[in-house]
Amino acid sequence: MLHIINKSPFYTKTVDTVLKFSKKGSPILLIEDATAAAAAGSALCEAKLGNIMRDHPIYVLKEDLEAKGVHKVIEGIKVIDYAGFVELVEKYNTCSWA
């Protein structure tokens, strides 16, 4: 199951909720406001996502990073474009979290 998160981790607990209900190995995709979590430089996000990446691959949408002005992401997070997004959606069932 591909878990798609679009809300900022600074204002919601969506990431924590996803972790409660996702199976180990399920990929997580950060889009829209959730891309803020992928930005390098936040010790809190780096620690939290670093722990999550042990059990889940994390992807972030390049176009949304660019729209937010984010140029560097946390090491280990995979940056994908719209074509990569489509590939993930074709490969997995999806669950969008608001």
PDB file of N, CA and C in Angstrom:
ATOM      1  N   MET A   1       0.852  -1.180   0.000  1.00  0.00           N
ATOM      2  CA  MET A   1       0.000   0.000   0.000  1.00  0.00           C
ATOM      3  C   MET A   1       0.894   1.238   0.000  1.00  0.00           C
ATOM      4  N   LEU A   2       0.676   2.133  -0.941  1.00  0.00           N
ATOM      5  CA  LEU A   2       1.367   3.416  -1.002  1.00  0.00           C
ATOM      6  C   LEU A   2       0.578   4.422  -0.171  1.00  0.00           C
ATOM      7  N   HIS A   3       1.239   5.018   0.810  1.00  0.00           N
ATOM      8  CA  HIS A   3       0.600   6.009   1.673  1.00  0.00           C
ATOM      9  C   HIS A   3       1.006   7.401   1.185  1.00  0.00           C
ATOM     10  N   ILE A   4       0.019   8.198   0.795  1.00  0.00           N
ATOM     11  CA  ILE A   4       0.263   9.531   0.255  1.00  0.00           C
ATOM     12  C   ILE A   4      -0.149  10.560   1.306  1.00  0.00           C
ATOM     13  N   ILE A   5       0.817  11.387   1.695  1.00  0.00           N
ATOM     14  CA  ILE A   5       0.580  12.405   2.722  1.00  0.00           C
ATOM     15  C   ILE A   5       0.724  13.779   2.076  1.00  0.00           C
ATOM     16  N   ASN A   6      -0.278  14.657   2.305  1.00  0.00           N
ATOM     17  CA  ASN A   6      -0.219  15.990   1.702  1.00  0.00           C
ATOM     18  C   ASN A   6      -0.266  17.136   2.714  1.00  0.00           C
ATOM     19  N   LYS A   7      -0.322  16.847   3.991  1.00  0.00           N
ATOM     20  CA  LYS A   7      -0.395  17.902   5.010  1.00  0.00           C
ATOM     21  C   LYS A   7       0.946  18.055   5.724  1.00  0.00           C
ATOM     22  N   SER A   8       1.250  19.265   6.116  1.00  0.00           N
ATOM     23  CA  SER A   8       2.500  19.556   6.805  1.00  0.00           C
ATOM     24  C   SER A   8       2.597  18.782   8.120  1.00  0.00           C
ATOM     25  N   PRO A   9       3.751  18.205   8.390  1.00  0.00           N
ATOM     26  CA  PRO A   9       3.937  17.491   9.656  1.00  0.00           C
ATOM     27  C   PRO A   9       4.026  18.441  10.845  1.00  0.00           C
ATOM     28  N   PHE A  10       4.146  19.733  10.567  1.00  0.00           N
ATOM     29  CA  PHE A  10       4.245  20.714  11.637  1.00  0.00           C
ATOM     30  C   PHE A  10       2.878  21.108  12.189  1.00  0.00           C
ATOM     31  N   TYR A  11       1.803  20.729  11.477  1.00  0.00           N
ATOM     32  CA  TYR A  11       0.451  21.100  11.903  1.00  0.00           C
ATOM     33  C   TYR A  11      -0.483  19.914  12.104  1.00  0.00           C
ATOM     34  N   THR A  12      -0.053  18.732  11.708  1.00  0.00           N
ATOM     35  CA  THR A  12      -0.894  17.542  11.863  1.00  0.00           C
ATOM     36  C   THR A  12      -0.055  16.376  12.373  1.00  0.00           C
ATOM     37  N   LYS A  13      -0.717  15.345  12.791  1.00  0.00           N
ATOM     38  CA  LYS A  13      -0.036  14.125  13.241  1.00  0.00           C
ATOM     39  C   LYS A  13      -0.228  13.001  12.222  1.00  0.00           C
ATOM     40  N   THR A  14      -0.408  13.378  10.969  1.00  0.00           N
ATOM     41  CA  THR A  14      -0.680  12.401   9.919  1.00  0.00           C
ATOM     42  C   THR A  14       0.420  11.356   9.815  1.00  0.00           C
ATOM     43  N   VAL A  15       1.678  11.779   9.888  1.00  0.00           N
ATOM     44  CA  VAL A  15       2.783  10.820   9.777  1.00  0.00           C
ATOM     45  C   VAL A  15       2.677   9.767  10.874  1.00  0.00           C
ATOM     46  N   ASP A  16       2.389  10.185  12.092  1.00  0.00           N
ATOM     47  CA  ASP A  16       2.238   9.231  13.198  1.00  0.00           C
ATOM     48  C   ASP A  16       1.083   8.272  12.944  1.00  0.00           C
ATOM     49  N   THR A  17      -0.014   8.785  12.420  1.00  0.00           N
ATOM     50  CA  THR A  17      -1.175   7.944  12.121  1.00  0.00           C
ATOM     51  C   THR A  17      -0.843   6.930  11.032  1.00  0.00           C
ATOM     52  N   VAL A  18      -0.157   7.380   9.989  1.00  0.00           N
ATOM     53  CA  VAL A  18       0.243   6.464   8.914  1.00  0.00           C
ATOM     54  C   VAL A  18       1.088   5.329   9.481  1.00  0.00           C
ATOM     55  N   LEU A  19       2.003   5.655  10.357  1.00  0.00           N
ATOM     56  CA  LEU A  19       2.875   4.621  10.923  1.00  0.00           C
ATOM     57  C   LEU A  19       2.099   3.604  11.747  1.00  0.00           C
ATOM     58  N   LYS A  20       1.036   4.042  12.403  1.00  0.00           N
ATOM     59  CA  LYS A  20       0.206   3.118  13.184  1.00  0.00           C
ATOM     60  C   LYS A  20      -0.476   2.085  12.302  1.00  0.00           C
ATOM     61  N   PHE A  21      -0.882   2.500  11.110  1.00  0.00           N
ATOM     62  CA  PHE A  21      -1.716   1.646  10.268  1.00  0.00           C
ATOM     63  C   PHE A  21      -1.003   1.041   9.056  1.00  0.00           C
ATOM     64  N   SER A  22       0.237   1.389   8.838  1.00  0.00           N
ATOM     65  CA  SER A  22       0.938   0.865   7.660  1.00  0.00           C
ATOM     66  C   SER A  22       1.760  -0.365   8.017  1.00  0.00           C
ATOM     67  N   LYS A  23       1.928  -1.211   7.018  1.00  0.00           N
ATOM     68  CA  LYS A  23       2.760  -2.400   7.183  1.00  0.00           C
ATOM     69  C   LYS A  23       4.213  -2.036   6.899  1.00  0.00           C
ATOM     70  N   LYS A  24       5.110  -2.742   7.560  1.00  0.00           N
ATOM     71  CA  LYS A  24       6.535  -2.551   7.327  1.00  0.00           C
ATOM     72  C   LYS A  24       6.818  -2.728   5.832  1.00  0.00           C
ATOM     73  N   GLY A  25       7.581  -1.820   5.273  1.00  0.00           N
ATOM     74  CA  GLY A  25       7.923  -1.884   3.861  1.00  0.00           C
ATOM     75  C   GLY A  25       7.017  -1.084   2.954  1.00  0.00           C
ATOM     76  N   SER A  26       5.872  -0.640   3.472  1.00  0.00           N
ATOM     77  CA  SER A  26       4.949   0.167   2.659  1.00  0.00           C
ATOM     78  C   SER A  26       5.585   1.522   2.365  1.00  0.00           C
ATOM     79  N   PRO A  27       5.594   1.936   1.102  1.00  0.00           N
ATOM     80  CA  PRO A  27       6.188   3.231   0.774  1.00  0.00           C
ATOM     81  C   PRO A  27       5.301   4.400   1.205  1.00  0.00           C
ATOM     82  N   ILE A  28       5.961   5.517   1.471  1.00  0.00           N
ATOM     83  CA  ILE A  28       5.285   6.752   1.852  1.00  0.00           C
ATOM     84  C   ILE A  28       5.694   7.824   0.849  1.00  0.00           C
ATOM     85  N   LEU A  29       4.706   8.552   0.329  1.00  0.00           N
ATOM     86  CA  LEU A  29       4.965   9.636  -0.618  1.00  0.00           C
ATOM     87  C   LEU A  29       4.513  10.951  -0.002  1.00  0.00           C
ATOM     88  N   LEU A  30       5.421  11.917   0.043  1.00  0.00           N
ATOM     89  CA  LEU A  30       5.124  13.251   0.558  1.00  0.00           C
ATOM     90  C   LEU A  30       4.865  14.182  -0.620  1.00  0.00           C
ATOM     91  N   ILE A  31       3.692  14.832  -0.615  1.00  0.00           N
ATOM     92  CA  ILE A  31       3.337  15.779  -1.668  1.00  0.00           C
ATOM     93  C   ILE A  31       2.811  17.060  -1.023  1.00  0.00           C
ATOM     94  N   GLU A  32       2.651  18.093  -1.838  1.00  0.00           N
ATOM     95  CA  GLU A  32       2.068  19.366  -1.409  1.00  0.00           C
ATOM     96  C   GLU A  32       2.745  19.870  -0.135  1.00  0.00           C
ATOM     97  N   ASP A  33       1.992  20.224   0.900  1.00  0.00           N
ATOM     98  CA  ASP A  33       2.571  20.784   2.125  1.00  0.00           C
ATOM     99  C   ASP A  33       3.417  19.785   2.908  1.00  0.00           C
ATOM    100  N   ALA A  34       3.220  18.505   2.688  1.00  0.00           N
ATOM    101  CA  ALA A  34       4.003  17.490   3.404  1.00  0.00           C
ATOM    102  C   ALA A  34       5.463  17.476   2.969  1.00  0.00           C
ATOM    103  N   THR A  35       5.770  18.102   1.823  1.00  0.00           N
ATOM    104  CA  THR A  35       7.163  18.126   1.375  1.00  0.00           C
ATOM    105  C   THR A  35       8.060  18.864   2.367  1.00  0.00           C
ATOM    106  N   ALA A  36       7.486  19.711   3.208  1.00  0.00           N
ATOM    107  CA  ALA A  36       8.271  20.422   4.221  1.00  0.00           C
ATOM    108  C   ALA A  36       9.017  19.451   5.126  1.00  0.00           C
ATOM    109  N   ALA A  37       8.457  18.287   5.346  1.00  0.00           N
ATOM    110  CA  ALA A  37       9.100  17.290   6.205  1.00  0.00           C
ATOM    111  C   ALA A  37      10.388  16.767   5.598  1.00  0.00           C
ATOM    112  N   ALA A  38      10.506  16.817   4.276  1.00  0.00           N
ATOM    113  CA  ALA A  38      11.672  16.261   3.591  1.00  0.00           C
ATOM    114  C   ALA A  38      12.849  17.222   3.523  1.00  0.00           C
ATOM    115  N   ALA A  39      12.628  18.485   3.857  1.00  0.00           N
ATOM    116  CA  ALA A  39      13.686  19.489   3.741  1.00  0.00           C
ATOM    117  C   ALA A  39      14.814  19.211   4.726  1.00  0.00           C
ATOM    118  N   ALA A  40      16.029  19.190   4.211  1.00  0.00           N
ATOM    119  CA  ALA A  40      17.193  19.004   5.072  1.00  0.00           C
ATOM    120  C   ALA A  40      17.337  20.226   5.976  1.00  0.00           C
ATOM    121  N   GLY A  41      17.817  20.006   7.182  1.00  0.00           N
ATOM    122  CA  GLY A  41      18.070  21.113   8.090  1.00  0.00           C
ATOM    123  C   GLY A  41      17.192  21.145   9.323  1.00  0.00           C
ATOM    124  N   SER A  42      16.104  20.411   9.325  1.00  0.00           N
ATOM    125  CA  SER A  42      15.250  20.335  10.508  1.00  0.00           C
ATOM    126  C   SER A  42      15.648  19.097  11.303  1.00  0.00           C
ATOM    127  N   ALA A  43      16.281  19.318  12.445  1.00  0.00           N
ATOM    128  CA  ALA A  43      16.747  18.188  13.252  1.00  0.00           C
ATOM    129  C   ALA A  43      15.595  17.267  13.632  1.00  0.00           C
ATOM    130  N   LEU A  44      14.433  17.844  13.951  1.00  0.00           N
ATOM    131  CA  LEU A  44      13.273  17.047  14.339  1.00  0.00           C
ATOM    132  C   LEU A  44      12.821  16.152  13.189  1.00  0.00           C
ATOM    133  N   CYS A  45      12.658  16.726  12.007  1.00  0.00           N
ATOM    134  CA  CYS A  45      12.215  15.930  10.850  1.00  0.00           C
ATOM    135  C   CYS A  45      13.275  14.920  10.440  1.00  0.00           C
ATOM    136  N   GLU A  46      14.538  15.321  10.480  1.00  0.00           N
ATOM    137  CA  GLU A  46      15.599  14.393  10.098  1.00  0.00           C
ATOM    138  C   GLU A  46      15.619  13.185  11.025  1.00  0.00           C
ATOM    139  N   ALA A  47      15.457  13.401  12.319  1.00  0.00           N
ATOM    140  CA  ALA A  47      15.448  12.288  13.266  1.00  0.00           C
ATOM    141  C   ALA A  47      14.223  11.406  13.056  1.00  0.00           C
ATOM    142  N   LYS A  48      13.061  12.035  12.933  1.00  0.00           N
ATOM    143  CA  LYS A  48      11.817  11.274  12.784  1.00  0.00           C
ATOM    144  C   LYS A  48      11.802  10.483  11.478  1.00  0.00           C
ATOM    145  N   LEU A  49      12.096  11.146  10.359  1.00  0.00           N
ATOM    146  CA  LEU A  49      12.067  10.454   9.075  1.00  0.00           C
ATOM    147  C   LEU A  49      13.205   9.450   8.962  1.00  0.00           C
ATOM    148  N   GLY A  50      14.325   9.736   9.608  1.00  0.00           N
ATOM    149  CA  GLY A  50      15.427   8.768   9.623  1.00  0.00           C
ATOM    150  C   GLY A  50      14.990   7.461  10.249  1.00  0.00           C
ATOM    151  N   ASN A  51      14.240   7.541  11.337  1.00  0.00           N
ATOM    152  CA  ASN A  51      13.708   6.333  11.981  1.00  0.00           C
ATOM    153  C   ASN A  51      12.688   5.635  11.091  1.00  0.00           C
ATOM    154  N   ILE A  52      11.836   6.401  10.445  1.00  0.00           N
ATOM    155  CA  ILE A  52      10.800   5.827   9.578  1.00  0.00           C
ATOM    156  C   ILE A  52      11.432   5.106   8.394  1.00  0.00           C
ATOM    157  N   MET A  53      12.520   5.673   7.850  1.00  0.00           N
ATOM    158  CA  MET A  53      13.149   5.085   6.663  1.00  0.00           C
ATOM    159  C   MET A  53      13.756   3.711   6.929  1.00  0.00           C
ATOM    160  N   ARG A  54      13.902   3.345   8.164  1.00  0.00           N
ATOM    161  CA  ARG A  54      14.376   1.986   8.469  1.00  0.00           C
ATOM    162  C   ARG A  54      13.362   0.944   8.014  1.00  0.00           C
ATOM    163  N   ASP A  55      12.078   1.299   8.060  1.00  0.00           N
ATOM    164  CA  ASP A  55      11.007   0.352   7.735  1.00  0.00           C
ATOM    165  C   ASP A  55      10.201   0.714   6.493  1.00  0.00           C
ATOM    166  N   HIS A  56      10.326   1.936   6.003  1.00  0.00           N
ATOM    167  CA  HIS A  56       9.503   2.402   4.880  1.00  0.00           C
ATOM    168  C   HIS A  56      10.344   3.241   3.920  1.00  0.00           C
ATOM    169  N   PRO A  57      10.286   2.949   2.624  1.00  0.00           N
ATOM    170  CA  PRO A  57      10.912   3.885   1.688  1.00  0.00           C
ATOM    171  C   PRO A  57      10.079   5.166   1.640  1.00  0.00           C
ATOM    172  N   ILE A  58      10.753   6.299   1.605  1.00  0.00           N
ATOM    173  CA  ILE A  58      10.055   7.585   1.554  1.00  0.00           C
ATOM    174  C   ILE A  58      10.406   8.290   0.249  1.00  0.00           C
ATOM    175  N   TYR A  59       9.363   8.767  -0.419  1.00  0.00           N
ATOM    176  CA  TYR A  59       9.496   9.504  -1.669  1.00  0.00           C
ATOM    177  C   TYR A  59       8.919  10.898  -1.464  1.00  0.00           C
ATOM    178  N   VAL A  60       9.416  11.842  -2.256  1.00  0.00           N
ATOM    179  CA  VAL A  60       8.873  13.198  -2.232  1.00  0.00           C
ATOM    180  C   VAL A  60       8.773  13.681  -3.682  1.00  0.00           C
ATOM    181  N   LEU A  61       7.711  14.403  -3.971  1.00  0.00           N
ATOM    182  CA  LEU A  61       7.448  14.867  -5.330  1.00  0.00           C
ATOM    183  C   LEU A  61       8.288  16.111  -5.649  1.00  0.00           C
ATOM    184  N   LYS A  62       9.127  15.987  -6.669  1.00  0.00           N
ATOM    185  CA  LYS A  62      10.063  17.044  -7.071  1.00  0.00           C
ATOM    186  C   LYS A  62       9.359  18.366  -7.371  1.00  0.00           C
ATOM    187  N   GLU A  63       8.282  18.314  -8.109  1.00  0.00           N
ATOM    188  CA  GLU A  63       7.582  19.539  -8.489  1.00  0.00           C
ATOM    189  C   GLU A  63       7.062  20.294  -7.267  1.00  0.00           C
ATOM    190  N   ASP A  64       6.636  19.570  -6.238  1.00  0.00           N
ATOM    191  CA  ASP A  64       6.163  20.230  -5.017  1.00  0.00           C
ATOM    192  C   ASP A  64       7.330  20.788  -4.210  1.00  0.00           C
ATOM    193  N   LEU A  65       8.471  20.099  -4.218  1.00  0.00           N
ATOM    194  CA  LEU A  65       9.666  20.646  -3.565  1.00  0.00           C
ATOM    195  C   LEU A  65      10.045  21.976  -4.206  1.00  0.00           C
ATOM    196  N   GLU A  66      10.058  21.981  -5.536  1.00  0.00           N
ATOM    197  CA  GLU A  66      10.418  23.203  -6.260  1.00  0.00           C
ATOM    198  C   GLU A  66       9.432  24.330  -5.967  1.00  0.00           C
ATOM    199  N   ALA A  67       8.152  24.014  -5.904  1.00  0.00           N
ATOM    200  CA  ALA A  67       7.134  25.026  -5.615  1.00  0.00           C
ATOM    201  C   ALA A  67       7.314  25.619  -4.220  1.00  0.00           C
ATOM    202  N   LYS A  68       7.841  24.818  -3.297  1.00  0.00           N
ATOM    203  CA  LYS A  68       8.059  25.277  -1.917  1.00  0.00           C
ATOM    204  C   LYS A  68       9.446  25.890  -1.733  1.00  0.00           C
ATOM    205  N   GLY A  69      10.278  25.852  -2.770  1.00  0.00           N
ATOM    206  CA  GLY A  69      11.621  26.408  -2.663  1.00  0.00           C
ATOM    207  C   GLY A  69      12.589  25.527  -1.895  1.00  0.00           C
ATOM    208  N   VAL A  70      12.304  24.251  -1.808  1.00  0.00           N
ATOM    209  CA  VAL A  70      13.186  23.311  -1.107  1.00  0.00           C
ATOM    210  C   VAL A  70      14.183  22.752  -2.118  1.00  0.00           C
ATOM    211  N   HIS A  71      15.478  22.909  -1.820  1.00  0.00           N
ATOM    212  CA  HIS A  71      16.513  22.481  -2.760  1.00  0.00           C
ATOM    213  C   HIS A  71      17.303  21.277  -2.272  1.00  0.00           C
ATOM    214  N   LYS A  72      17.253  21.003  -0.987  1.00  0.00           N
ATOM    215  CA  LYS A  72      18.009  19.875  -0.440  1.00  0.00           C
ATOM    216  C   LYS A  72      17.095  19.078   0.476  1.00  0.00           C
ATOM    217  N   VAL A  73      17.088  17.752   0.276  1.00  0.00           N
ATOM    218  CA  VAL A  73      16.236  16.894   1.098  1.00  0.00           C
ATOM    219  C   VAL A  73      17.085  16.025   2.018  1.00  0.00           C
ATOM    220  N   ILE A  74      16.430  15.485   3.005  1.00  0.00           N
ATOM    221  CA  ILE A  74      17.071  14.593   3.962  1.00  0.00           C
ATOM    222  C   ILE A  74      17.639  13.390   3.217  1.00  0.00           C
ATOM    223  N   GLU A  75      18.855  13.031   3.574  1.00  0.00           N
ATOM    224  CA  GLU A  75      19.515  11.893   2.936  1.00  0.00           C
ATOM    225  C   GLU A  75      18.672  10.630   3.086  1.00  0.00           C
ATOM    226  N   GLY A  76      18.519   9.913   1.986  1.00  0.00           N
ATOM    227  CA  GLY A  76      17.750   8.672   1.991  1.00  0.00           C
ATOM    228  C   GLY A  76      16.354   8.813   1.415  1.00  0.00           C
ATOM    229  N   ILE A  77      15.850  10.042   1.352  1.00  0.00           N
ATOM    230  CA  ILE A  77      14.539  10.272   0.739  1.00  0.00           C
ATOM    231  C   ILE A  77      14.729  10.340  -0.770  1.00  0.00           C
ATOM    232  N   LYS A  78      13.876   9.636  -1.487  1.00  0.00           N
ATOM    233  CA  LYS A  78      13.981   9.582  -2.946  1.00  0.00           C
ATOM    234  C   LYS A  78      13.091  10.657  -3.570  1.00  0.00           C
ATOM    235  N   VAL A  79      13.687  11.519  -4.375  1.00  0.00           N
ATOM    236  CA  VAL A  79      12.949  12.568  -5.074  1.00  0.00           C
ATOM    237  C   VAL A  79      12.456  11.993  -6.404  1.00  0.00           C
ATOM    238  N   ILE A  80      11.147  12.110  -6.643  1.00  0.00           N
ATOM    239  CA  ILE A  80      10.566  11.593  -7.885  1.00  0.00           C
ATOM    240  C   ILE A  80       9.777  12.686  -8.589  1.00  0.00           C
ATOM    241  N   ASP A  81       9.619  12.536  -9.891  1.00  0.00           N
ATOM    242  CA  ASP A  81       8.809  13.471 -10.668  1.00  0.00           C
ATOM    243  C   ASP A  81       7.416  12.875 -10.866  1.00  0.00           C
ATOM    244  N   TYR A  82       6.597  13.555 -11.672  1.00  0.00           N
ATOM    245  CA  TYR A  82       5.232  13.064 -11.884  1.00  0.00           C
ATOM    246  C   TYR A  82       5.212  11.667 -12.498  1.00  0.00           C
ATOM    247  N   ALA A  83       6.157  11.378 -13.386  1.00  0.00           N
ATOM    248  CA  ALA A  83       6.218  10.042 -13.985  1.00  0.00           C
ATOM    249  C   ALA A  83       6.501   8.991 -12.908  1.00  0.00           C
ATOM    250  N   GLY A  84       7.373   9.325 -11.958  1.00  0.00           N
ATOM    251  CA  GLY A  84       7.651   8.415 -10.848  1.00  0.00           C
ATOM    252  C   GLY A  84       6.437   8.230  -9.960  1.00  0.00           C
ATOM    253  N   PHE A  85       5.676   9.295  -9.770  1.00  0.00           N
ATOM    254  CA  PHE A  85       4.435   9.244  -8.999  1.00  0.00           C
ATOM    255  C   PHE A  85       3.473   8.256  -9.661  1.00  0.00           C
ATOM    256  N   VAL A  86       3.330   8.378 -10.972  1.00  0.00           N
ATOM    257  CA  VAL A  86       2.432   7.481 -11.708  1.00  0.00           C
ATOM    258  C   VAL A  86       2.905   6.032 -11.578  1.00  0.00           C
ATOM    259  N   GLU A  87       4.207   5.803 -11.662  1.00  0.00           N
ATOM    260  CA  GLU A  87       4.744   4.444 -11.514  1.00  0.00           C
ATOM    261  C   GLU A  87       4.377   3.853 -10.153  1.00  0.00           C
ATOM    262  N   LEU A  88       4.508   4.653  -9.097  1.00  0.00           N
ATOM    263  CA  LEU A  88       4.154   4.167  -7.757  1.00  0.00           C
ATOM    264  C   LEU A  88       2.670   3.829  -7.671  1.00  0.00           C
ATOM    265  N   VAL A  89       1.832   4.699  -8.224  1.00  0.00           N
ATOM    266  CA  VAL A  89       0.383   4.482  -8.177  1.00  0.00           C
ATOM    267  C   VAL A  89      -0.007   3.240  -8.982  1.00  0.00           C
ATOM    268  N   GLU A  90       0.698   2.990 -10.069  1.00  0.00           N
ATOM    269  CA  GLU A  90       0.421   1.786 -10.859  1.00  0.00           C
ATOM    270  C   GLU A  90       0.871   0.524 -10.134  1.00  0.00           C
ATOM    271  N   LYS A  91       1.919   0.637  -9.347  1.00  0.00           N
ATOM    272  CA  LYS A  91       2.508  -0.522  -8.665  1.00  0.00           C
ATOM    273  C   LYS A  91       1.767  -0.898  -7.381  1.00  0.00           C
ATOM    274  N   TYR A  92       1.235   0.083  -6.667  1.00  0.00           N
ATOM    275  CA  TYR A  92       0.636  -0.143  -5.349  1.00  0.00           C
ATOM    276  C   TYR A  92      -0.818   0.328  -5.300  1.00  0.00           C
ATOM    277  N   ASN A  93      -1.598  -0.289  -4.435  1.00  0.00           N
ATOM    278  CA  ASN A  93      -2.864   0.309  -4.019  1.00  0.00           C
ATOM    279  C   ASN A  93      -2.491   1.558  -3.234  1.00  0.00           C
ATOM    280  N   THR A  94      -3.384   2.539  -3.195  1.00  0.00           N
ATOM    281  CA  THR A  94      -3.035   3.792  -2.525  1.00  0.00           C
ATOM    282  C   THR A  94      -3.996   4.131  -1.394  1.00  0.00           C
ATOM    283  N   CYS A  95      -3.469   4.901  -0.460  1.00  0.00           N
ATOM    284  CA  CYS A  95      -4.270   5.459   0.622  1.00  0.00           C
ATOM    285  C   CYS A  95      -3.796   6.897   0.808  1.00  0.00           C
ATOM    286  N   SER A  96      -4.689   7.847   0.567  1.00  0.00           N
ATOM    287  CA  SER A  96      -4.355   9.260   0.744  1.00  0.00           C
ATOM    288  C   SER A  96      -4.791   9.708   2.129  1.00  0.00           C
ATOM    289  N   TRP A  97      -3.880  10.367   2.817  1.00  0.00           N
ATOM    290  CA  TRP A  97      -4.127  10.835   4.176  1.00  0.00           C
ATOM    291  C   TRP A  97      -4.224  12.350   4.167  1.00  0.00           C
ATOM    292  N   ALA A  98      -5.259  12.870   4.791  1.00  0.00           N
ATOM    293  CA  ALA A  98      -5.437  14.323   4.860  1.00  0.00           C
ATOM    294  C   ALA A  98      -5.173  14.826   6.259  1.00  0.00           C
TER     295      ALA A  98
END
